[in-house]
């Protein structure tokens, strides 16, 4: 497994940006003889939460294990607390960067599959929202969406207090989502994007999202679930014990990825290890 830290110049953001990657490599304990057939890798584009960065995931042993066991490449994006949506006033196109540019660039330098069904977008909290929103908006690119404890804060952003003492206030939401009086009817709202997919007959991503019972974001997740049910958009939503924390994020991220049709690699035996029963 190769752990990579990379930079490239983004035309969407008009500056150098960074990302991290986990690219599977053959096990040193694989079968002897001819090298295994190399196939384009299934890939997950993984989005961090608010106040995080692509480095949040870099040493995560659970996701590293997934890469080794399944052959799944993991691309960890950076967002700068912008909820992975386009800022049209500054022309910082965070959404297009995630939904198109980063995918195209990483496919050009790594042996990644270009198939929609092999391409996953996933995230937690702010990244959970970014995964759902951009997975639906760029549904020609992503075949699977995994949103864990998604921060669906566009719903109710118009009621946020004025002020500058906190990063979460009305001015911040206006910077992120634009005109808050129109946000519910815009493509910032995943329900709007889901309905557009159904109305136009576009490809429907395999959508999974989950939230903890004690998470303050559970109410907006339930609302999105009901909205998707009402329009008949296929998805799988579940809740479980826990709050907005890693103890909930990790097992449900694994559960979501397992729903993406991943095939486990064969488990090869370490030739240097001798079973005690064979001694």
C-alpha atoms as a PDB file:
ATOM      1  CA  UNK A   1       0.000   0.000   0.000  1.00  0.00           C
ATOM      2  CA  UNK A   2       1.380   3.411  -1.007  1.00  0.00           C
ATOM      3  CA  UNK A   3       0.625   6.472   1.139  1.00  0.00           C
ATOM      4  CA  UNK A   4       0.921   9.615  -0.970  1.00  0.00           C
ATOM      5  CA  UNK A   5       0.746  13.348  -0.241  1.00  0.00           C
ATOM      6  CA  UNK A   6       0.305  15.407  -3.388  1.00  0.00           C
ATOM      7  CA  UNK A   7      -0.211  18.964  -4.666  1.00  0.00           C
ATOM      8  CA  UNK A   8      -1.460  20.258  -7.987  1.00  0.00           C
ATOM      9  CA  UNK A   9      -2.672  23.574  -9.380  1.00  0.00           C
ATOM     10  CA  UNK A  10      -6.468  23.707  -9.431  1.00  0.00           C
ATOM     11  CA  UNK A  11      -8.191  25.659 -12.193  1.00  0.00           C
ATOM     12  CA  UNK A  12     -11.410  25.543 -10.136  1.00  0.00           C
ATOM     13  CA  UNK A  13      -9.771  27.175  -7.097  1.00  0.00           C
ATOM     14  CA  UNK A  14      -7.030  29.088  -8.941  1.00  0.00           C
ATOM     15  CA  UNK A  15      -4.260  28.028  -6.573  1.00  0.00           C
ATOM     16  CA  UNK A  16      -2.236  24.974  -5.557  1.00  0.00           C
ATOM     17  CA  UNK A  17      -4.287  22.436  -3.614  1.00  0.00           C
ATOM     18  CA  UNK A  18      -3.329  19.245  -1.835  1.00  0.00           C
ATOM     19  CA  UNK A  19      -4.797  15.822  -1.390  1.00  0.00           C
ATOM     20  CA  UNK A  20      -3.705  12.560   0.174  1.00  0.00           C
ATOM     21  CA  UNK A  21      -4.060   9.123  -1.317  1.00  0.00           C
ATOM     22  CA  UNK A  22      -3.892   5.469  -0.324  1.00  0.00           C
ATOM     23  CA  UNK A  23      -3.083   3.351  -3.366  1.00  0.00           C
ATOM     24  CA  UNK A  24      -3.160  -0.431  -2.810  1.00  0.00           C
ATOM     25  CA  UNK A  25      -0.066  -2.462  -3.679  1.00  0.00           C
ATOM     26  CA  UNK A  26       0.359  -6.212  -3.896  1.00  0.00           C
ATOM     27  CA  UNK A  27       0.960  -7.954  -0.603  1.00  0.00           C
ATOM     28  CA  UNK A  28       4.529  -9.065   0.065  1.00  0.00           C
ATOM     29  CA  UNK A  29       3.035 -12.391   1.042  1.00  0.00           C
ATOM     30  CA  UNK A  30       1.170 -12.948  -2.217  1.00  0.00           C
ATOM     31  CA  UNK A  31       1.421 -16.126  -4.287  1.00  0.00           C
ATOM     32  CA  UNK A  32       4.755 -16.980  -5.922  1.00  0.00           C
ATOM     33  CA  UNK A  33       5.262 -16.929  -9.639  1.00  0.00           C
ATOM     34  CA  UNK A  34       3.793 -14.547 -12.173  1.00  0.00           C
ATOM     35  CA  UNK A  35       2.606 -11.146 -11.063  1.00  0.00           C
ATOM     36  CA  UNK A  36      -1.108 -10.724 -10.488  1.00  0.00           C
ATOM     37  CA  UNK A  37      -3.206  -9.153 -13.209  1.00  0.00           C
ATOM     38  CA  UNK A  38      -3.407  -5.397 -12.692  1.00  0.00           C
ATOM     39  CA  UNK A  39      -6.904  -3.972 -13.044  1.00  0.00           C
ATOM     40  CA  UNK A  40      -8.066  -0.344 -12.742  1.00  0.00           C
ATOM     41  CA  UNK A  41      -8.827   0.362  -9.108  1.00  0.00           C
ATOM     42  CA  UNK A  42     -12.202   1.093  -7.622  1.00  0.00           C
ATOM     43  CA  UNK A  43     -11.919   4.426  -5.843  1.00  0.00           C
ATOM     44  CA  UNK A  44     -13.480   6.318  -2.946  1.00  0.00           C
ATOM     45  CA  UNK A  45     -13.171  10.097  -2.756  1.00  0.00           C
ATOM     46  CA  UNK A  46     -13.236  10.785   0.961  1.00  0.00           C
ATOM     47  CA  UNK A  47     -14.338  14.140   2.396  1.00  0.00           C
ATOM     48  CA  UNK A  48     -13.353  15.385   5.866  1.00  0.00           C
ATOM     49  CA  UNK A  49     -15.524  17.293   8.333  1.00  0.00           C
ATOM     50  CA  UNK A  50     -15.606  20.923   9.464  1.00  0.00           C
ATOM     51  CA  UNK A  51     -12.252  22.254  10.746  1.00  0.00           C
ATOM     52  CA  UNK A  52     -10.497  19.174   9.364  1.00  0.00           C
ATOM     53  CA  UNK A  53      -8.279  18.536   6.359  1.00  0.00           C
ATOM     54  CA  UNK A  54      -7.238  15.714   4.077  1.00  0.00           C
ATOM     55  CA  UNK A  55      -4.715  14.732   6.757  1.00  0.00           C
ATOM     56  CA  UNK A  56      -7.583  13.781   9.088  1.00  0.00           C
ATOM     57  CA  UNK A  57      -7.776  10.412   7.346  1.00  0.00           C
ATOM     58  CA  UNK A  58      -4.140   9.848   6.447  1.00  0.00           C
ATOM     59  CA  UNK A  59      -3.183   7.506   9.293  1.00  0.00           C
ATOM     60  CA  UNK A  60      -6.614   5.972   9.831  1.00  0.00           C
ATOM     61  CA  UNK A  61      -5.938   2.261  10.289  1.00  0.00           C
ATOM     62  CA  UNK A  62      -9.506   1.211   9.471  1.00  0.00           C
ATOM     63  CA  UNK A  63      -9.480   2.805   6.028  1.00  0.00           C
ATOM     64  CA  UNK A  64      -5.929   1.613   5.368  1.00  0.00           C
ATOM     65  CA  UNK A  65      -7.113  -1.912   6.129  1.00  0.00           C
ATOM     66  CA  UNK A  66      -9.990  -1.508   3.672  1.00  0.00           C
ATOM     67  CA  UNK A  67      -7.542  -0.460   0.969  1.00  0.00           C
ATOM     68  CA  UNK A  68      -5.419  -3.540   1.620  1.00  0.00           C
ATOM     69  CA  UNK A  69      -8.280  -6.036   1.855  1.00  0.00           C
ATOM     70  CA  UNK A  70     -10.396  -4.796  -1.051  1.00  0.00           C
ATOM     71  CA  UNK A  71      -7.980  -3.107  -3.419  1.00  0.00           C
ATOM     72  CA  UNK A  72      -9.925   0.136  -3.010  1.00  0.00           C
ATOM     73  CA  UNK A  73      -7.969   3.325  -3.735  1.00  0.00           C
ATOM     74  CA  UNK A  74      -8.749   6.186  -1.336  1.00  0.00           C
ATOM     75  CA  UNK A  75      -8.394   9.832  -2.363  1.00  0.00           C
ATOM     76  CA  UNK A  76      -8.664  12.263   0.561  1.00  0.00           C
ATOM     77  CA  UNK A  77      -9.727  15.748  -0.509  1.00  0.00           C
ATOM     78  CA  UNK A  78      -9.305  19.167   1.127  1.00  0.00           C
ATOM     79  CA  UNK A  79     -12.122  21.743   1.456  1.00  0.00           C
ATOM     80  CA  UNK A  80     -11.243  24.696   3.723  1.00  0.00           C
ATOM     81  CA  UNK A  81     -14.568  24.674   5.622  1.00  0.00           C
ATOM     82  CA  UNK A  82     -16.631  25.492   2.542  1.00  0.00           C
ATOM     83  CA  UNK A  83     -18.996  22.477   2.592  1.00  0.00           C
ATOM     84  CA  UNK A  84     -17.727  21.355  -0.829  1.00  0.00           C
ATOM     85  CA  UNK A  85     -20.009  23.736  -2.749  1.00  0.00           C
ATOM     86  CA  UNK A  86     -19.226  26.486  -5.266  1.00  0.00           C
ATOM     87  CA  UNK A  87     -18.716  30.064  -4.053  1.00  0.00           C
ATOM     88  CA  UNK A  88     -19.861  31.991  -7.120  1.00  0.00           C
ATOM     89  CA  UNK A  89     -19.001  35.394  -5.644  1.00  0.00           C
ATOM     90  CA  UNK A  90     -15.333  34.502  -5.226  1.00  0.00           C
ATOM     91  CA  UNK A  91     -15.388  31.973  -8.071  1.00  0.00           C
ATOM     92  CA  UNK A  92     -13.977  29.317  -5.772  1.00  0.00           C
ATOM     93  CA  UNK A  93     -15.566  26.235  -7.299  1.00  0.00           C
ATOM     94  CA  UNK A  94     -15.204  23.733  -4.459  1.00  0.00           C
ATOM     95  CA  UNK A  95     -18.067  21.566  -5.712  1.00  0.00           C
ATOM     96  CA  UNK A  96     -16.735  21.306  -9.253  1.00  0.00           C
ATOM     97  CA  UNK A  97     -13.256  20.657  -7.852  1.00  0.00           C
ATOM     98  CA  UNK A  98     -14.559  17.618  -5.959  1.00  0.00           C
ATOM     99  CA  UNK A  99     -17.089  16.429  -8.514  1.00  0.00           C
ATOM    100  CA  UNK A 100     -15.002  16.773 -11.659  1.00  0.00           C
ATOM    101  CA  UNK A 101     -11.483  18.195 -11.399  1.00  0.00           C
ATOM    102  CA  UNK A 102     -10.045  16.019  -8.625  1.00  0.00           C
ATOM    103  CA  UNK A 103     -11.529  12.893 -10.217  1.00  0.00           C
ATOM    104  CA  UNK A 104     -10.054  13.717 -13.621  1.00  0.00           C
ATOM    105  CA  UNK A 105      -6.649  14.593 -12.192  1.00  0.00           C
ATOM    106  CA  UNK A 106      -6.279  11.521  -9.992  1.00  0.00           C
ATOM    107  CA  UNK A 107      -7.412   9.260 -12.818  1.00  0.00           C
ATOM    108  CA  UNK A 108      -4.663  10.763 -14.969  1.00  0.00           C
ATOM    109  CA  UNK A 109      -1.851   9.903 -12.525  1.00  0.00           C
ATOM    110  CA  UNK A 110      -3.093   6.724 -10.786  1.00  0.00           C
ATOM    111  CA  UNK A 111      -4.457   3.467 -12.259  1.00  0.00           C
ATOM    112  CA  UNK A 112      -8.063   4.265 -11.276  1.00  0.00           C
ATOM    113  CA  UNK A 113     -11.150   2.899 -12.950  1.00  0.00           C
ATOM    114  CA  UNK A 114     -13.100   5.431 -15.004  1.00  0.00           C
ATOM    115  CA  UNK A 115     -16.320   3.473 -14.578  1.00  0.00           C
ATOM    116  CA  UNK A 116     -19.122   5.174 -12.699  1.00  0.00           C
ATOM    117  CA  UNK A 117     -19.964   1.998 -10.807  1.00  0.00           C
ATOM    118  CA  UNK A 118     -16.368   1.842  -9.541  1.00  0.00           C
ATOM    119  CA  UNK A 119     -16.363   5.411  -8.222  1.00  0.00           C
ATOM    120  CA  UNK A 120     -17.556   6.261  -4.689  1.00  0.00           C
ATOM    121  CA  UNK A 121     -17.872   9.561  -2.863  1.00  0.00           C
ATOM    122  CA  UNK A 122     -18.022   9.419   0.935  1.00  0.00           C
ATOM    123  CA  UNK A 123     -17.583  11.669   3.952  1.00  0.00           C
ATOM    124  CA  UNK A 124     -18.463  12.489   7.537  1.00  0.00           C
ATOM    125  CA  UNK A 125     -20.229  15.540   8.994  1.00  0.00           C
ATOM    126  CA  UNK A 126     -19.536  18.470   6.624  1.00  0.00           C
ATOM    127  CA  UNK A 127     -17.996  15.878   4.306  1.00  0.00           C
ATOM    128  CA  UNK A 128     -21.121  13.734   4.646  1.00  0.00           C
ATOM    129  CA  UNK A 129     -23.150  16.623   3.271  1.00  0.00           C
ATOM    130  CA  UNK A 130     -20.531  17.230   0.574  1.00  0.00           C
ATOM    131  CA  UNK A 131     -20.652  13.582  -0.448  1.00  0.00           C
ATOM    132  CA  UNK A 132     -24.452  13.497  -0.705  1.00  0.00           C
ATOM    133  CA  UNK A 133     -24.737  16.839  -2.476  1.00  0.00           C
ATOM    134  CA  UNK A 134     -21.913  16.284  -4.973  1.00  0.00           C
ATOM    135  CA  UNK A 135     -22.697  12.605  -5.467  1.00  0.00           C
ATOM    136  CA  UNK A 136     -26.172  13.623  -6.621  1.00  0.00           C
ATOM    137  CA  UNK A 137     -25.030  16.670  -8.605  1.00  0.00           C
ATOM    138  CA  UNK A 138     -22.284  14.707 -10.385  1.00  0.00           C
ATOM    139  CA  UNK A 139     -24.286  11.511 -10.699  1.00  0.00           C
ATOM    140  CA  UNK A 140     -22.663  10.752 -14.058  1.00  0.00           C
ATOM    141  CA  UNK A 141     -19.360  10.399 -12.198  1.00  0.00           C
ATOM    142  CA  UNK A 142     -20.281   8.723  -8.906  1.00  0.00           C
ATOM    143  CA  UNK A 143     -22.104   5.417  -8.708  1.00  0.00           C
ATOM    144  CA  UNK A 144     -22.134   5.267  -4.900  1.00  0.00           C
ATOM    145  CA  UNK A 145     -22.607   7.800  -2.091  1.00  0.00           C
ATOM    146  CA  UNK A 146     -21.841   7.278   1.617  1.00  0.00           C
ATOM    147  CA  UNK A 147     -22.761  10.125   3.976  1.00  0.00           C
ATOM    148  CA  UNK A 148     -22.070   9.591   7.682  1.00  0.00           C
ATOM    149  CA  UNK A 149     -23.652  12.035  10.164  1.00  0.00           C
ATOM    150  CA  UNK A 150     -24.148  14.531   7.314  1.00  0.00           C
ATOM    151  CA  UNK A 151     -24.200  18.201   8.313  1.00  0.00           C
ATOM    152  CA  UNK A 152     -27.335  19.202   6.398  1.00  0.00           C
ATOM    153  CA  UNK A 153     -27.069  22.731   7.768  1.00  0.00           C
ATOM    154  CA  UNK A 154     -28.469  24.439   4.662  1.00  0.00           C
ATOM    155  CA  UNK A 155     -31.861  23.583   6.181  1.00  0.00           C
ATOM    156  CA  UNK A 156     -32.400  26.311   8.754  1.00  0.00           C
ATOM    157  CA  UNK A 157     -29.339  28.379   7.827  1.00  0.00           C
ATOM    158  CA  UNK A 158     -31.605  31.379   7.283  1.00  0.00           C
ATOM    159  CA  UNK A 159     -32.440  31.383  10.996  1.00  0.00           C
ATOM    160  CA  UNK A 160     -28.793  31.505  12.084  1.00  0.00           C
ATOM    161  CA  UNK A 161     -27.885  34.435  14.367  1.00  0.00           C
ATOM    162  CA  UNK A 162     -26.016  37.489  13.166  1.00  0.00           C
ATOM    163  CA  UNK A 163     -22.561  38.119  14.561  1.00  0.00           C
ATOM    164  CA  UNK A 164     -18.902  37.404  14.045  1.00  0.00           C
ATOM    165  CA  UNK A 165     -17.893  35.844  17.351  1.00  0.00           C
ATOM    166  CA  UNK A 166     -18.255  32.313  15.998  1.00  0.00           C
ATOM    167  CA  UNK A 167     -17.476  30.580  12.739  1.00  0.00           C
ATOM    168  CA  UNK A 168     -21.105  29.412  12.555  1.00  0.00           C
ATOM    169  CA  UNK A 169     -23.295  32.481  12.050  1.00  0.00           C
ATOM    170  CA  UNK A 170     -25.494  33.957   9.331  1.00  0.00           C
ATOM    171  CA  UNK A 171     -22.631  35.673   7.513  1.00  0.00           C
ATOM    172  CA  UNK A 172     -20.735  32.388   7.325  1.00  0.00           C
ATOM    173  CA  UNK A 173     -23.741  30.536   5.891  1.00  0.00           C
ATOM    174  CA  UNK A 174     -24.286  33.317   3.337  1.00  0.00           C
ATOM    175  CA  UNK A 175     -20.659  32.962   2.283  1.00  0.00           C
ATOM    176  CA  UNK A 176     -21.103  29.210   1.851  1.00  0.00           C
ATOM    177  CA  UNK A 177     -24.624  28.874   0.433  1.00  0.00           C
ATOM    178  CA  UNK A 178     -25.337  32.299  -1.053  1.00  0.00           C
ATOM    179  CA  UNK A 179     -28.853  33.743  -0.809  1.00  0.00           C
ATOM    180  CA  UNK A 180     -30.332  31.917   2.177  1.00  0.00           C
ATOM    181  CA  UNK A 181     -33.889  32.775   1.128  1.00  0.00           C
ATOM    182  CA  UNK A 182     -33.392  30.611  -1.975  1.00  0.00           C
ATOM    183  CA  UNK A 183     -31.160  27.833  -0.658  1.00  0.00           C
ATOM    184  CA  UNK A 184     -33.952  25.258  -0.184  1.00  0.00           C
ATOM    185  CA  UNK A 185     -34.892  25.518  -3.867  1.00  0.00           C
ATOM    186  CA  UNK A 186     -31.288  25.488  -5.062  1.00  0.00           C
ATOM    187  CA  UNK A 187     -28.857  22.697  -5.881  1.00  0.00           C
ATOM    188  CA  UNK A 188     -27.450  23.077  -2.353  1.00  0.00           C
ATOM    189  CA  UNK A 189     -30.461  20.972  -1.294  1.00  0.00           C
ATOM    190  CA  UNK A 190     -29.901  17.247  -2.019  1.00  0.00           C
ATOM    191  CA  UNK A 191     -33.664  16.673  -2.300  1.00  0.00           C
ATOM    192  CA  UNK A 192     -33.785  19.108  -5.230  1.00  0.00           C
ATOM    193  CA  UNK A 193     -30.966  17.252  -6.954  1.00  0.00           C
ATOM    194  CA  UNK A 194     -32.590  13.869  -6.308  1.00  0.00           C
ATOM    195  CA  UNK A 195     -35.862  15.043  -7.864  1.00  0.00           C
ATOM    196  CA  UNK A 196     -33.985  16.386 -10.877  1.00  0.00           C
ATOM    197  CA  UNK A 197     -32.361  12.990 -11.401  1.00  0.00           C
ATOM    198  CA  UNK A 198     -35.762  11.285 -11.337  1.00  0.00           C
ATOM    199  CA  UNK A 199     -37.371  13.911 -13.587  1.00  0.00           C
ATOM    200  CA  UNK A 200     -34.618  13.719 -16.205  1.00  0.00           C
ATOM    201  CA  UNK A 201     -34.086   9.967 -16.034  1.00  0.00           C
ATOM    202  CA  UNK A 202     -30.442  10.346 -15.049  1.00  0.00           C
ATOM    203  CA  UNK A 203     -28.392   7.573 -13.441  1.00  0.00           C
ATOM    204  CA  UNK A 204     -29.336   7.013  -9.800  1.00  0.00           C
ATOM    205  CA  UNK A 205     -26.395   6.599  -7.401  1.00  0.00           C
ATOM    206  CA  UNK A 206     -26.499   3.963  -4.674  1.00  0.00           C
ATOM    207  CA  UNK A 207     -27.094   6.269  -1.673  1.00  0.00           C
ATOM    208  CA  UNK A 208     -26.431   5.334   1.970  1.00  0.00           C
ATOM    209  CA  UNK A 209     -26.450   7.717   4.922  1.00  0.00           C
ATOM    210  CA  UNK A 210     -26.572   7.239   8.669  1.00  0.00           C
ATOM    211  CA  UNK A 211     -26.805   9.327  11.834  1.00  0.00           C
ATOM    212  CA  UNK A 212     -26.574   8.594  15.557  1.00  0.00           C
ATOM    213  CA  UNK A 213     -29.620   8.753  17.804  1.00  0.00           C
ATOM    214  CA  UNK A 214     -27.911  11.350  20.013  1.00  0.00           C
ATOM    215  CA  UNK A 215     -26.466  13.433  17.188  1.00  0.00           C
ATOM    216  CA  UNK A 216     -27.816  16.976  16.995  1.00  0.00           C
ATOM    217  CA  UNK A 217     -27.943  16.499  13.206  1.00  0.00           C
ATOM    218  CA  UNK A 218     -30.324  13.536  13.345  1.00  0.00           C
ATOM    219  CA  UNK A 219     -33.408  15.701  12.766  1.00  0.00           C
ATOM    220  CA  UNK A 220     -32.229  17.107   9.436  1.00  0.00           C
ATOM    221  CA  UNK A 221     -31.121  13.618   8.357  1.00  0.00           C
ATOM    222  CA  UNK A 222     -34.593  12.257   9.136  1.00  0.00           C
ATOM    223  CA  UNK A 223     -36.140  15.103   7.167  1.00  0.00           C
ATOM    224  CA  UNK A 224     -34.005  14.362   4.103  1.00  0.00           C
ATOM    225  CA  UNK A 225     -34.892  10.669   4.433  1.00  0.00           C
ATOM    226  CA  UNK A 226     -38.608  11.528   4.417  1.00  0.00           C
ATOM    227  CA  UNK A 227     -38.197  13.903   1.473  1.00  0.00           C
ATOM    228  CA  UNK A 228     -36.437  11.213  -0.555  1.00  0.00           C
ATOM    229  CA  UNK A 229     -39.124   8.697   0.381  1.00  0.00           C
ATOM    230  CA  UNK A 230     -41.841  11.128  -0.699  1.00  0.00           C
ATOM    231  CA  UNK A 231     -40.424  11.486  -4.221  1.00  0.00           C
ATOM    232  CA  UNK A 232     -39.550   7.790  -4.503  1.00  0.00           C
ATOM    233  CA  UNK A 233     -35.771   8.219  -4.663  1.00  0.00           C
ATOM    234  CA  UNK A 234     -33.989   4.927  -3.827  1.00  0.00           C
ATOM    235  CA  UNK A 235     -31.720   5.151  -0.788  1.00  0.00           C
ATOM    236  CA  UNK A 236     -30.845   3.419   2.482  1.00  0.00           C
ATOM    237  CA  UNK A 237     -30.956   5.400   5.717  1.00  0.00           C
ATOM    238  CA  UNK A 238     -30.214   4.080   9.173  1.00  0.00           C
ATOM    239  CA  UNK A 239     -29.720   5.303  12.718  1.00  0.00           C
ATOM    240  CA  UNK A 240     -27.897   3.749  15.625  1.00  0.00           C
ATOM    241  CA  UNK A 241     -26.543   4.403  19.103  1.00  0.00           C
ATOM    242  CA  UNK A 242     -24.045   7.234  19.273  1.00  0.00           C
ATOM    243  CA  UNK A 243     -23.491  10.923  18.728  1.00  0.00           C
ATOM    244  CA  UNK A 244     -21.336  13.100  16.468  1.00  0.00           C
ATOM    245  CA  UNK A 245     -18.080  11.258  17.111  1.00  0.00           C
ATOM    246  CA  UNK A 246     -15.569   8.832  15.671  1.00  0.00           C
ATOM    247  CA  UNK A 247     -17.092   5.909  17.562  1.00  0.00           C
ATOM    248  CA  UNK A 248     -20.140   6.292  15.304  1.00  0.00           C
ATOM    249  CA  UNK A 249     -18.357   7.473  12.152  1.00  0.00           C
ATOM    250  CA  UNK A 250     -15.974   4.550  11.655  1.00  0.00           C
ATOM    251  CA  UNK A 251     -18.276   1.494  11.827  1.00  0.00           C
ATOM    252  CA  UNK A 252     -20.952   3.187   9.741  1.00  0.00           C
ATOM    253  CA  UNK A 253     -18.430   4.318   7.150  1.00  0.00           C
ATOM    254  CA  UNK A 254     -17.366   0.676   6.871  1.00  0.00           C
ATOM    255  CA  UNK A 255     -21.006  -0.406   6.636  1.00  0.00           C
ATOM    256  CA  UNK A 256     -21.652   2.129   3.899  1.00  0.00           C
ATOM    257  CA  UNK A 257     -18.620   1.102   1.876  1.00  0.00           C
ATOM    258  CA  UNK A 258     -19.606  -2.553   2.166  1.00  0.00           C
ATOM    259  CA  UNK A 259     -22.838  -1.660   0.347  1.00  0.00           C
ATOM    260  CA  UNK A 260     -20.842  -0.484  -2.683  1.00  0.00           C
ATOM    261  CA  UNK A 261     -20.290  -3.946  -4.133  1.00  0.00           C
ATOM    262  CA  UNK A 262     -16.644  -4.241  -3.137  1.00  0.00           C
ATOM    263  CA  UNK A 263     -14.959  -7.591  -3.604  1.00  0.00           C
ATOM    264  CA  UNK A 264     -12.443  -8.716  -1.025  1.00  0.00           C
ATOM    265  CA  UNK A 265      -8.991  -9.687  -2.171  1.00  0.00           C
ATOM    266  CA  UNK A 266      -7.963 -13.287  -1.572  1.00  0.00           C
ATOM    267  CA  UNK A 267      -6.297 -13.685   1.802  1.00  0.00           C
ATOM    268  CA  UNK A 268      -2.860 -15.172   1.237  1.00  0.00           C
ATOM    269  CA  UNK A 269      -1.030 -17.032   3.947  1.00  0.00           C
ATOM    270  CA  UNK A 270       2.242 -15.665   5.268  1.00  0.00           C
ATOM    271  CA  UNK A 271       4.851 -18.224   4.107  1.00  0.00           C
ATOM    272  CA  UNK A 272       7.091 -17.343   7.046  1.00  0.00           C
ATOM    273  CA  UNK A 273       4.437 -18.307   9.581  1.00  0.00           C
ATOM    274  CA  UNK A 274       3.960 -21.960  10.482  1.00  0.00           C
ATOM    275  CA  UNK A 275       0.703 -23.102  11.988  1.00  0.00           C
ATOM    276  CA  UNK A 276       1.291 -24.603  15.412  1.00  0.00           C
ATOM    277  CA  UNK A 277      -0.785 -27.618  14.392  1.00  0.00           C
ATOM    278  CA  UNK A 278       1.694 -28.385  11.611  1.00  0.00           C
ATOM    279  CA  UNK A 279       4.742 -28.392  13.857  1.00  0.00           C
END
